[in-house]
Each structure stands twice: as structure tokens, then as C-alpha cells.
Amino acid sequence: MNNDPLHEIFGNGGVRIALIGALSILSLFLLAKTMNIAENFGRPAHPATDVVTVSGSGQATLAPDVARVSFTVENTAAAVSDAQAATTKQANAALSFVQGQGIAAKDVKTLSYNISPQYAYPNPCTSGTLCPAYVGSPKITGYQAAQTIQVTIHNLSAVGALLSGLGKLSVQNVQGPAFALNDPTAGYDAARADAIANAKAQAELLAKQLGVSLGKIVNFSESSSTPYPVMYGMRSANAQSTAATPNVPVGENTYTASVSITYEIR
């Protein structure tokens, strides 16, 4: 008979299971602790208190490389199918013209397609007479079918010809061009880089004046603004059949950004 106390303890099946469970929990705890230490390696145990915060503003002026023009074709008829047929015929003619201008299919998309009833509000009173409040129901006189299409133009020299051609096709409600960058982040990236450079210069000057040294960056924030493109509007283009091709200057867009950087000082 073995009188070894350890043998008696570990020979008990229940004790062995409890010990294995405790060791497993301890292993998981140590693993989690190790991962937390690794994740926070190099970071201060407490937030930095000796800091300086500087702000910087920057801008970038870039020439646009795309223009976006949207237009709507709309027709009204007594029956929905007739309104749709007229709108489809006019829209197809406009799309055929756009394609003939060298615009790729991927740069043409429908923004909306709407069918809405048109109402008339009968007036029971003749002109010049005192009229009581009229509570009669409006009557549907027809239906309007409208399709709005957006075109992205990469050849900016072709914008004027596109606007002129849409007018000759009696396309209604032409909006644009909105001149922009094909890569929407390029302008903001350049403006942010300028803002960061200005903030760093201020931080270095301030550190020199205070007689301290700059340490790590402990906080950063930024904001940016959207440029407002010039819009060319053409409302009810039915009278444009003999209009000359409009001159549409492209210009430049200015992007701005502001940053705030907090440094440790020592």
C-alpha cells in the first residue's frame, strides 16, 4: 500500500479533473495577459500629461479631370403607356447622341425613373365673383413619365458640344457640368499633407520657443471641406435648336483641410 500523501491526492480522479481545469483557466489567463501586453507594448501606462497641441490648415488647387452632366426627359399623355413611349423614344435619342460623342457605356447611368399622375383642380366660380371654399376632389388629367440620366465626361473639351446637342434634342432640365476629380480623395489627400506640414512647422517652432523637445504624437484629428463646382443649368431646352455651342471654362477646384496634432514634450 502506497502511503505517499501526494500519490493519494493525485490518484483521486476528481482531484485530477479539478487540477486540469484550474491549469486550463490559468493558461487562458496568462495567454490573454500576454496578448494585452504585446498589444500595448511601447505605449505609456498612463495618458501623457506633458503635451502640446498645434493646428494646421492646408489647401490644394487641382484641375478637374471629369465633368458630370445630368438631364431629364419627361412627357405627359392621357395614358401611362403613351407617356412612357414618348419618354423612351426621346431618352433613346439622347442616349444615342451621347454614345456618338465617345462616352463609354460605364459612364452613363440612370439616376431615376418616375411616373406620376397629373391633376386638375376644377374651379366652380367665375372670375370676379365671391367664391366659397371648394371641397371637390381633383381630377387626373394624365400621366407624366420622366427619366433622369447622368453622364460622366472624361474629355473636358467635349462638354460644350454635349450640352449643345442635348439642347437640340429638346431635352429638359439639363444640370451641370459639375467639374471634379475622377479620384475623389486625391484633392483631400494633398490638402491634408499641406495641413500636416504646416502643423509640424508650428510644433517645431513652439518647441524651440518653449525650450522643450517634441516626443511622440499622442493624438490626431482632421476635417476637410467639399469644393462647390460651378453648375450650368438649362431649363426647358425646347428653344435650343439653333443655339451655339456654349463655352464652358473648366477652371480649378480648391480643396481645404485642417488638422490638430498633439505631441508629447520633454
Protein backbone atom coordinates (compact mmCIF):
# COMPACT_ATOMS: atom_id res chain seq x y z
CA MET A 1 0.00 0.00 0.00
CA ASN A 2 1.36 3.38 -1.02
CA ASN A 3 1.22 5.85 1.87
CA ASP A 4 2.61 8.78 -0.14
CA PRO A 5 0.22 11.73 0.51
CA LEU A 6 0.81 13.24 -2.97
CA HIS A 7 0.06 9.91 -4.57
CA GLU A 8 -3.19 9.71 -2.66
CA ILE A 9 -4.17 13.24 -3.67
CA PHE A 10 -3.32 12.99 -7.38
CA GLY A 11 -4.58 9.42 -7.54
CA ASN A 12 -8.08 10.71 -6.93
CA GLY A 13 -9.86 11.12 -10.29
CA GLY A 14 -11.97 14.09 -9.14
CA VAL A 15 -8.93 15.94 -7.88
CA ARG A 16 -7.12 15.35 -11.18
CA ILE A 17 -10.03 16.79 -13.18
CA ALA A 18 -10.21 19.84 -10.90
CA LEU A 19 -6.46 20.43 -11.24
CA ILE A 20 -6.60 20.10 -15.03
CA GLY A 21 -9.48 22.60 -15.14
CA ALA A 22 -7.60 25.07 -12.90
CA LEU A 23 -4.47 24.76 -15.03
CA SER A 24 -6.51 25.37 -18.21
CA ILE A 25 -8.06 28.53 -16.76
CA LEU A 26 -4.64 29.73 -15.62
CA SER A 27 -3.21 29.11 -19.10
CA LEU A 28 -6.02 31.12 -20.75
CA PHE A 29 -5.50 33.96 -18.28
CA LEU A 30 -1.75 34.07 -18.96
CA LEU A 31 -2.37 33.98 -22.74
CA ALA A 32 -4.80 36.90 -22.55
CA LYS A 33 -2.41 38.86 -20.35
CA THR A 34 0.46 38.23 -22.76
CA MET A 35 -1.63 39.39 -25.76
CA ASN A 36 -2.64 42.56 -23.89
CA ILE A 37 0.99 43.33 -23.04
CA ALA A 38 2.04 42.76 -26.67
CA GLU A 39 -0.75 44.98 -27.97
CA ASN A 40 0.19 47.84 -25.67
CA PHE A 41 3.94 47.39 -25.97
CA GLY A 42 5.64 50.77 -26.31
CA ARG A 43 2.59 52.69 -25.09
CA PRO A 44 2.76 54.66 -21.86
CA ALA A 45 0.96 53.12 -18.91
CA HIS A 46 -0.88 56.40 -18.32
CA PRO A 47 -2.02 59.11 -20.76
CA ALA A 48 0.64 61.73 -21.41
CA THR A 49 0.18 64.90 -19.39
CA ASP A 50 3.13 66.93 -20.69
CA VAL A 51 1.82 67.68 -24.17
CA VAL A 52 1.43 70.48 -26.68
CA THR A 53 -1.31 70.70 -29.32
CA VAL A 54 -0.92 72.53 -32.61
CA SER A 55 -3.29 73.11 -35.52
CA GLY A 56 -2.55 73.44 -39.19
CA SER A 57 -4.55 74.37 -42.29
CA GLY A 58 -3.72 73.38 -45.83
CA GLN A 59 -5.11 73.52 -49.30
CA ALA A 60 -4.54 72.04 -52.72
CA THR A 61 -5.73 73.50 -56.02
CA LEU A 62 -6.10 70.91 -58.74
CA ALA A 63 -7.56 70.97 -62.23
CA PRO A 64 -10.57 68.66 -62.60
CA ASP A 65 -10.32 65.69 -64.92
CA VAL A 66 -14.00 64.73 -65.25
CA ALA A 67 -17.30 66.55 -65.73
CA ARG A 68 -20.74 65.21 -64.81
CA VAL A 69 -23.88 66.32 -66.60
CA SER A 70 -27.38 65.15 -65.76
CA PHE A 71 -30.51 65.65 -67.81
CA THR A 72 -34.19 64.70 -67.64
CA VAL A 73 -36.59 63.75 -70.41
CA GLU A 74 -40.24 63.92 -69.50
CA ASN A 75 -43.51 63.63 -71.41
CA THR A 76 -47.17 63.77 -70.44
CA ALA A 77 -50.05 61.85 -72.02
CA ALA A 78 -53.55 60.73 -71.11
CA ALA A 79 -52.41 57.12 -70.74
CA VAL A 80 -49.38 55.88 -68.83
CA SER A 81 -48.20 53.75 -71.74
CA ASP A 82 -48.27 56.72 -74.12
CA ALA A 83 -46.28 58.88 -71.69
CA GLN A 84 -43.74 56.08 -71.28
CA ALA A 85 -43.45 55.53 -75.01
CA ALA A 86 -42.79 59.21 -75.71
CA THR A 87 -40.20 59.44 -72.92
CA THR A 88 -38.47 56.25 -74.01
CA LYS A 89 -38.23 57.48 -77.60
CA GLN A 90 -36.74 60.81 -76.53
CA ALA A 91 -34.38 59.22 -73.98
CA ASN A 92 -33.13 56.70 -76.55
CA ALA A 93 -32.39 59.52 -78.98
CA ALA A 94 -30.45 61.37 -76.27
CA LEU A 95 -28.53 58.22 -75.30
CA SER A 96 -27.68 57.54 -78.95
CA PHE A 97 -26.31 61.08 -79.24
CA VAL A 98 -24.28 60.67 -76.04
CA GLN A 99 -22.81 57.42 -77.31
CA GLY A 100 -21.88 59.15 -80.55
CA GLN A 101 -19.82 61.64 -78.53
CA GLY A 102 -17.47 58.84 -77.48
CA ILE A 103 -18.91 58.39 -73.99
CA ALA A 104 -18.35 54.85 -72.68
CA ALA A 105 -21.37 52.84 -71.51
CA LYS A 106 -19.92 52.64 -67.96
CA ASP A 107 -20.04 56.46 -67.76
CA VAL A 108 -23.81 56.67 -68.42
CA LYS A 109 -26.34 55.74 -65.77
CA THR A 110 -29.99 56.33 -64.93
CA LEU A 111 -30.47 58.25 -61.71
CA SER A 112 -34.26 57.94 -61.56
CA TYR A 113 -37.35 56.89 -63.50
CA ASN A 114 -40.69 58.27 -62.32
CA ILE A 115 -44.33 58.04 -63.38
CA SER A 116 -46.68 60.50 -61.70
CA PRO A 117 -50.33 61.45 -62.25
CA GLN A 118 -51.18 64.97 -63.35
CA TYR A 119 -54.14 66.64 -61.63
CA ALA A 120 -56.62 69.41 -62.43
CA TYR A 121 -58.42 71.34 -59.71
CA PRO A 122 -61.84 72.47 -61.02
CA ASN A 123 -62.90 75.99 -60.07
CA PRO A 124 -66.70 76.27 -59.69
CA CYS A 125 -66.62 80.08 -59.57
CA THR A 126 -66.34 82.54 -62.40
CA SER A 127 -63.70 85.23 -62.32
CA GLY A 128 -64.57 88.30 -60.26
CA THR A 129 -67.20 86.63 -58.08
CA LEU A 130 -67.06 85.76 -54.39
CA CYS A 131 -66.17 82.07 -54.26
CA PRO A 132 -66.85 79.77 -51.29
CA ALA A 133 -64.30 77.20 -50.26
CA TYR A 134 -64.32 74.38 -52.80
CA VAL A 135 -64.05 70.87 -51.45
CA GLY A 136 -64.35 68.92 -54.67
CA SER A 137 -61.81 66.20 -55.49
CA PRO A 138 -59.09 66.94 -58.08
CA LYS A 139 -59.29 65.03 -61.33
CA ILE A 140 -56.48 63.12 -63.01
CA THR A 141 -55.89 64.58 -66.46
CA GLY A 142 -52.96 62.43 -67.50
CA TYR A 143 -49.63 60.93 -66.51
CA GLN A 144 -46.04 62.12 -66.72
CA ALA A 145 -43.13 59.74 -67.32
CA ALA A 146 -39.67 61.15 -66.55
CA GLN A 147 -36.19 59.64 -66.75
CA THR A 148 -33.06 61.32 -65.35
CA ILE A 149 -29.67 60.29 -66.72
CA GLN A 150 -26.15 61.22 -65.60
CA VAL A 151 -23.19 61.32 -67.97
CA THR A 152 -19.53 61.38 -66.85
CA ILE A 153 -17.26 63.06 -69.40
CA HIS A 154 -13.50 62.45 -69.34
CA ASN A 155 -12.73 64.57 -72.41
CA LEU A 156 -13.45 68.00 -70.95
CA SER A 157 -13.14 69.72 -74.32
CA ALA A 158 -16.32 67.86 -75.40
CA VAL A 159 -18.55 69.26 -72.65
CA GLY A 160 -19.82 72.23 -74.68
CA ALA A 161 -20.77 70.07 -77.65
CA LEU A 162 -22.63 67.65 -75.39
CA LEU A 163 -24.67 70.47 -73.82
CA SER A 164 -25.46 71.94 -77.21
CA GLY A 165 -26.52 68.58 -78.64
CA LEU A 166 -28.83 67.84 -75.72
CA GLY A 167 -30.50 71.20 -76.25
CA LYS A 168 -31.12 70.47 -79.93
CA LEU A 169 -32.83 67.23 -78.92
CA SER A 170 -35.26 69.24 -76.73
CA VAL A 171 -34.00 67.55 -73.58
CA GLN A 172 -35.42 69.21 -70.47
CA ASN A 173 -33.72 70.18 -67.24
CA VAL A 174 -30.04 69.87 -68.09
CA GLN A 175 -27.88 70.26 -64.97
CA GLY A 176 -24.11 70.57 -64.89
CA PRO A 177 -21.34 70.32 -65.66
CA ALA A 178 -20.01 69.53 -62.21
CA PHE A 179 -16.22 69.50 -62.64
CA ALA A 180 -14.40 67.15 -60.27
CA LEU A 181 -11.54 64.71 -59.88
CA ASN A 182 -12.08 61.14 -61.00
CA ASP A 183 -10.28 60.09 -57.80
CA PRO A 184 -12.33 61.98 -55.17
CA THR A 185 -9.69 61.52 -52.46
CA ALA A 186 -6.75 62.99 -54.38
CA GLY A 187 -7.58 66.62 -53.58
CA TYR A 188 -8.18 65.94 -49.90
CA ASP A 189 -5.00 63.87 -49.59
CA ALA A 190 -2.95 66.75 -51.00
CA ALA A 191 -4.67 69.32 -48.76
CA ARG A 192 -4.16 67.12 -45.68
CA ALA A 193 -0.46 66.71 -46.45
CA ASP A 194 -0.11 70.51 -46.65
CA ALA A 195 -2.00 70.94 -43.35
CA ILE A 196 0.19 68.36 -41.57
CA ALA A 197 3.36 70.06 -42.85
CA ASN A 198 2.12 73.41 -41.51
CA ALA A 199 1.21 71.89 -38.14
CA LYS A 200 4.63 70.22 -37.81
CA ALA A 201 6.36 73.51 -38.59
CA GLN A 202 4.34 75.25 -35.89
CA ALA A 203 5.12 72.47 -33.39
CA GLU A 204 8.87 72.70 -34.06
CA LEU A 205 8.81 76.49 -33.70
CA LEU A 206 6.78 76.30 -30.49
CA ALA A 207 9.09 73.65 -29.02
CA LYS A 208 12.10 75.84 -29.77
CA GLN A 209 10.47 78.85 -28.11
CA LEU A 210 9.50 76.80 -25.05
CA GLY A 211 12.88 75.14 -24.79
CA VAL A 212 11.48 71.61 -24.96
CA SER A 213 11.79 68.65 -27.29
CA LEU A 214 8.96 67.03 -29.20
CA GLY A 215 8.16 63.41 -28.45
CA LYS A 216 5.61 61.02 -29.90
CA ILE A 217 2.31 62.05 -31.44
CA VAL A 218 -0.40 61.06 -28.96
CA ASN A 219 -3.48 62.46 -30.71
CA PHE A 220 -4.52 63.48 -34.23
CA SER A 221 -7.76 64.77 -35.78
CA GLU A 222 -8.69 66.27 -39.13
CA SER A 223 -11.51 67.89 -41.09
CA SER A 224 -11.95 68.76 -44.75
CA SER A 225 -14.34 70.74 -46.93
CA THR A 226 -16.00 69.95 -50.24
CA PRO A 227 -15.45 72.33 -53.16
CA TYR A 228 -18.53 73.76 -54.80
CA PRO A 229 -18.46 73.12 -58.57
CA VAL A 230 -19.91 75.68 -60.96
CA MET A 231 -23.17 74.41 -62.43
CA TYR A 232 -24.50 75.11 -65.92
CA GLY A 233 -28.29 74.99 -65.88
CA MET A 234 -30.62 74.76 -68.87
CA ARG A 235 -34.32 74.71 -68.11
CA SER A 236 -36.81 73.64 -70.80
CA ALA A 237 -34.41 73.40 -73.72
CA ASN A 238 -37.06 73.43 -76.47
CA ALA A 239 -35.72 76.67 -77.94
CA GLN A 240 -32.13 75.47 -78.24
CA SER A 241 -32.28 74.00 -81.78
CA THR A 242 -30.23 76.87 -83.23
CA ALA A 243 -28.17 77.65 -80.11
CA ALA A 244 -24.42 77.93 -80.45
CA THR A 245 -22.15 75.54 -78.59
CA PRO A 246 -21.66 77.05 -75.10
CA ASN A 247 -18.18 77.96 -73.94
CA VAL A 248 -17.66 76.10 -70.65
CA PRO A 249 -14.41 77.03 -68.82
CA VAL A 250 -13.10 74.20 -66.67
CA GLY A 251 -11.18 76.19 -64.03
CA GLU A 252 -9.75 74.55 -60.92
CA ASN A 253 -11.11 73.17 -57.66
CA THR A 254 -9.59 74.11 -54.32
CA TYR A 255 -9.65 71.54 -51.54
CA THR A 256 -9.01 72.52 -47.92
CA ALA A 257 -8.17 70.53 -44.80
CA SER A 258 -7.46 71.27 -41.15
CA VAL A 259 -5.59 69.07 -38.70
CA SER A 260 -4.84 69.05 -34.99
CA ILE A 261 -1.78 67.21 -33.67
CA THR A 262 -0.85 66.62 -30.03
CA TYR A 263 2.80 65.88 -29.19
CA GLU A 264 4.44 64.72 -26.01
CA ILE A 265 7.08 67.16 -24.83
CA ARG A 266 10.16 66.55 -22.68
